Amino acid sequence: MKVTRRVALYFFGLSLILLAGDFPLWGEEDHLAKLGVNRLDKKIDAPEFTLPDLTGRKRSLSDFQGKFIMLNFWTTW
């Protein structure tokens, strides 16, 4: 089978998969609300702190200013 035919079949199959779903791929649906994430009415600045990363390098919250970050604090008991 030629490469162009394979690529065409791939995109055709992908479009069938995407169009067959009953979910919007874009739009006004708030996916975070479905996960129970509450949006705040006003901006709250996080306090400045410094922690070591996995390599031991000290990283502060201000190093990531303007970027989306996710902090995962965990422990074992």
N, C-alpha and C. Protein backbone atom coordinates (compact mmCIF):
# COMPACT_ATOMS: atom_id res chain seq x y z
N MET A 1 0.85 -1.17 0.00
CA MET A 1 0.00 0.00 0.00
C MET A 1 0.90 1.23 0.00
N LYS A 2 0.57 2.18 -0.82
CA LYS A 2 1.40 3.37 -0.91
C LYS A 2 1.24 4.24 0.33
N VAL A 3 2.23 5.04 0.58
CA VAL A 3 2.25 5.89 1.77
C VAL A 3 1.10 6.88 1.75
N THR A 4 0.80 7.46 0.59
CA THR A 4 -0.28 8.45 0.52
C THR A 4 -1.62 7.81 0.85
N ARG A 5 -1.83 6.58 0.41
CA ARG A 5 -3.09 5.90 0.71
C ARG A 5 -3.18 5.59 2.20
N ARG A 6 -2.05 5.18 2.80
CA ARG A 6 -2.02 4.92 4.24
C ARG A 6 -2.33 6.17 5.04
N VAL A 7 -1.75 7.28 4.63
CA VAL A 7 -1.99 8.54 5.33
C VAL A 7 -3.45 8.96 5.19
N ALA A 8 -4.00 8.81 4.00
CA ALA A 8 -5.40 9.16 3.78
C ALA A 8 -6.32 8.29 4.64
N LEU A 9 -6.04 6.99 4.71
CA LEU A 9 -6.84 6.10 5.55
C LEU A 9 -6.70 6.45 7.03
N TYR A 10 -5.51 6.82 7.42
CA TYR A 10 -5.29 7.22 8.81
C TYR A 10 -6.15 8.42 9.17
N PHE A 11 -6.11 9.47 8.34
CA PHE A 11 -6.90 10.66 8.64
C PHE A 11 -8.39 10.40 8.53
N PHE A 12 -8.81 9.53 7.63
CA PHE A 12 -10.21 9.17 7.53
C PHE A 12 -10.67 8.45 8.79
N GLY A 13 -9.86 7.50 9.26
CA GLY A 13 -10.20 6.79 10.49
C GLY A 13 -10.20 7.70 11.70
N LEU A 14 -9.24 8.59 11.76
CA LEU A 14 -9.19 9.54 12.87
C LEU A 14 -10.41 10.45 12.87
N SER A 15 -10.83 10.91 11.71
CA SER A 15 -12.01 11.77 11.65
C SER A 15 -13.26 11.02 12.05
N LEU A 16 -13.37 9.73 11.70
CA LEU A 16 -14.52 8.94 12.13
C LEU A 16 -14.56 8.80 13.65
N ILE A 17 -13.41 8.58 14.24
CA ILE A 17 -13.34 8.45 15.70
C ILE A 17 -13.75 9.75 16.38
N LEU A 18 -13.23 10.86 15.89
CA LEU A 18 -13.52 12.15 16.51
C LEU A 18 -14.97 12.58 16.30
N LEU A 19 -15.54 12.28 15.16
CA LEU A 19 -16.91 12.68 14.87
C LEU A 19 -17.94 11.75 15.49
N ALA A 20 -17.53 10.54 15.84
CA ALA A 20 -18.47 9.57 16.38
C ALA A 20 -18.76 9.82 17.86
N GLY A 21 -17.88 10.53 18.54
CA GLY A 21 -18.07 10.78 19.96
C GLY A 21 -19.18 11.77 20.22
N ASP A 22 -19.79 11.68 21.39
CA ASP A 22 -20.85 12.62 21.75
C ASP A 22 -20.33 13.73 22.65
N PHE A 23 -19.06 14.01 22.56
CA PHE A 23 -18.45 15.07 23.37
C PHE A 23 -17.97 16.18 22.44
N PRO A 24 -18.05 17.41 22.89
CA PRO A 24 -17.51 18.50 22.06
C PRO A 24 -16.00 18.55 22.18
N LEU A 25 -15.32 18.76 21.08
CA LEU A 25 -13.87 18.89 21.11
C LEU A 25 -13.45 20.29 21.50
N TRP A 26 -14.32 21.23 21.35
CA TRP A 26 -14.07 22.60 21.74
C TRP A 26 -15.43 23.20 22.08
N GLY A 27 -15.45 24.33 22.68
CA GLY A 27 -16.72 24.95 23.01
C GLY A 27 -16.72 25.51 24.41
N GLU A 28 -17.91 25.61 24.94
CA GLU A 28 -18.11 26.28 26.22
C GLU A 28 -18.12 25.33 27.41
N GLU A 29 -17.91 24.06 27.21
CA GLU A 29 -17.96 23.11 28.31
C GLU A 29 -16.77 23.31 29.24
N ASP A 30 -17.04 23.38 30.52
CA ASP A 30 -15.99 23.59 31.52
C ASP A 30 -15.54 22.23 32.04
N HIS A 31 -14.44 21.73 31.51
CA HIS A 31 -13.96 20.41 31.89
C HIS A 31 -13.41 20.39 33.31
N LEU A 32 -12.87 21.51 33.78
CA LEU A 32 -12.37 21.55 35.15
C LEU A 32 -13.49 21.44 36.17
N ALA A 33 -14.64 22.03 35.87
CA ALA A 33 -15.78 21.94 36.78
C ALA A 33 -16.25 20.49 36.91
N LYS A 34 -16.16 19.73 35.83
CA LYS A 34 -16.54 18.31 35.88
C LYS A 34 -15.63 17.54 36.84
N LEU A 35 -14.39 17.98 36.97
CA LEU A 35 -13.44 17.32 37.86
C LEU A 35 -13.52 17.84 39.29
N GLY A 36 -14.41 18.79 39.54
CA GLY A 36 -14.58 19.33 40.88
C GLY A 36 -13.63 20.46 41.20
N VAL A 37 -13.02 21.08 40.19
CA VAL A 37 -12.12 22.20 40.41
C VAL A 37 -12.94 23.48 40.52
N ASN A 38 -12.78 24.18 41.62
CA ASN A 38 -13.51 25.42 41.83
C ASN A 38 -12.68 26.60 41.35
N ARG A 39 -13.32 27.49 40.61
CA ARG A 39 -12.64 28.70 40.15
C ARG A 39 -12.86 29.82 41.17
N LEU A 40 -11.82 30.58 41.42
CA LEU A 40 -11.91 31.67 42.39
C LEU A 40 -12.42 32.93 41.71
N ASP A 41 -13.13 33.74 42.48
CA ASP A 41 -13.66 35.01 41.95
C ASP A 41 -12.57 36.06 41.82
N LYS A 42 -11.58 36.00 42.70
CA LYS A 42 -10.50 36.98 42.63
C LYS A 42 -9.16 36.27 42.68
N LYS A 43 -8.15 36.94 42.18
CA LYS A 43 -6.80 36.37 42.14
C LYS A 43 -6.18 36.41 43.53
N ILE A 44 -5.59 35.31 43.92
CA ILE A 44 -4.90 35.22 45.20
C ILE A 44 -3.46 34.83 44.92
N ASP A 45 -2.53 35.66 45.33
CA ASP A 45 -1.12 35.37 45.11
C ASP A 45 -0.64 34.32 46.11
N ALA A 46 0.12 33.38 45.61
CA ALA A 46 0.67 32.33 46.47
C ALA A 46 1.85 32.90 47.26
N PRO A 47 2.05 32.44 48.48
CA PRO A 47 3.20 32.90 49.25
C PRO A 47 4.50 32.38 48.64
N GLU A 48 5.55 33.14 48.78
CA GLU A 48 6.86 32.75 48.25
C GLU A 48 7.45 31.65 49.13
N PHE A 49 7.95 30.58 48.51
CA PHE A 49 8.64 29.53 49.25
C PHE A 49 9.68 28.89 48.33
N THR A 50 10.62 28.19 48.95
CA THR A 50 11.69 27.52 48.22
C THR A 50 11.78 26.07 48.70
N LEU A 51 11.87 25.16 47.73
CA LEU A 51 11.98 23.73 48.03
C LEU A 51 13.00 23.11 47.10
N PRO A 52 13.63 22.01 47.52
CA PRO A 52 14.54 21.31 46.60
C PRO A 52 13.75 20.47 45.60
N ASP A 53 14.25 20.42 44.34
CA ASP A 53 13.62 19.54 43.36
C ASP A 53 14.21 18.15 43.48
N LEU A 54 13.90 17.27 42.55
CA LEU A 54 14.36 15.88 42.64
C LEU A 54 15.87 15.73 42.52
N THR A 55 16.52 16.73 41.92
CA THR A 55 17.99 16.67 41.81
C THR A 55 18.69 17.38 42.96
N GLY A 56 17.91 17.97 43.88
CA GLY A 56 18.48 18.67 45.02
C GLY A 56 18.67 20.16 44.80
N ARG A 57 18.40 20.64 43.60
CA ARG A 57 18.53 22.07 43.30
C ARG A 57 17.39 22.84 43.95
N LYS A 58 17.72 23.93 44.63
CA LYS A 58 16.69 24.74 45.29
C LYS A 58 15.92 25.52 44.24
N ARG A 59 14.59 25.39 44.26
CA ARG A 59 13.72 26.09 43.32
C ARG A 59 12.72 26.91 44.13
N SER A 60 12.51 28.15 43.72
CA SER A 60 11.52 28.98 44.40
C SER A 60 10.33 29.19 43.47
N LEU A 61 9.22 29.51 44.06
CA LEU A 61 8.00 29.70 43.29
C LEU A 61 8.14 30.84 42.29
N SER A 62 8.92 31.85 42.62
CA SER A 62 9.10 32.99 41.71
C SER A 62 9.87 32.61 40.45
N ASP A 63 10.58 31.47 40.45
CA ASP A 63 11.27 31.00 39.25
C ASP A 63 10.30 30.68 38.13
N PHE A 64 9.06 30.41 38.48
CA PHE A 64 8.05 29.99 37.51
C PHE A 64 6.97 31.05 37.30
N GLN A 65 7.26 32.28 37.63
CA GLN A 65 6.26 33.34 37.51
C GLN A 65 5.77 33.46 36.07
N GLY A 66 4.45 33.52 35.92
CA GLY A 66 3.83 33.63 34.60
C GLY A 66 3.60 32.29 33.92
N LYS A 67 4.01 31.21 34.55
CA LYS A 67 3.82 29.88 33.97
C LYS A 67 2.82 29.09 34.81
N PHE A 68 2.15 28.16 34.16
CA PHE A 68 1.23 27.27 34.87
C PHE A 68 2.05 26.18 35.51
N ILE A 69 1.87 25.99 36.81
CA ILE A 69 2.56 24.91 37.50
C ILE A 69 1.57 24.12 38.33
N MET A 70 1.90 22.88 38.58
CA MET A 70 1.08 22.04 39.44
C MET A 70 2.00 21.51 40.53
N LEU A 71 1.65 21.79 41.75
CA LEU A 71 2.43 21.31 42.89
C LEU A 71 1.76 20.05 43.43
N ASN A 72 2.54 19.03 43.63
CA ASN A 72 2.02 17.77 44.13
C ASN A 72 2.76 17.45 45.43
N PHE A 73 2.10 17.70 46.54
CA PHE A 73 2.67 17.38 47.85
C PHE A 73 2.12 16.03 48.28
N TRP A 74 2.98 15.10 48.58
CA TRP A 74 2.53 13.78 48.98
C TRP A 74 3.42 13.26 50.10
N THR A 75 2.94 12.27 50.74
CA THR A 75 3.69 11.65 51.82
C THR A 75 3.30 10.20 51.94
N THR A 76 4.12 9.43 52.59
CA THR A 76 3.75 8.06 52.95
C THR A 76 3.70 8.01 54.46
N TRP A 77 2.79 7.29 54.97
CA TRP A 77 2.61 7.26 56.42
C TRP A 77 3.16 6.01 57.00
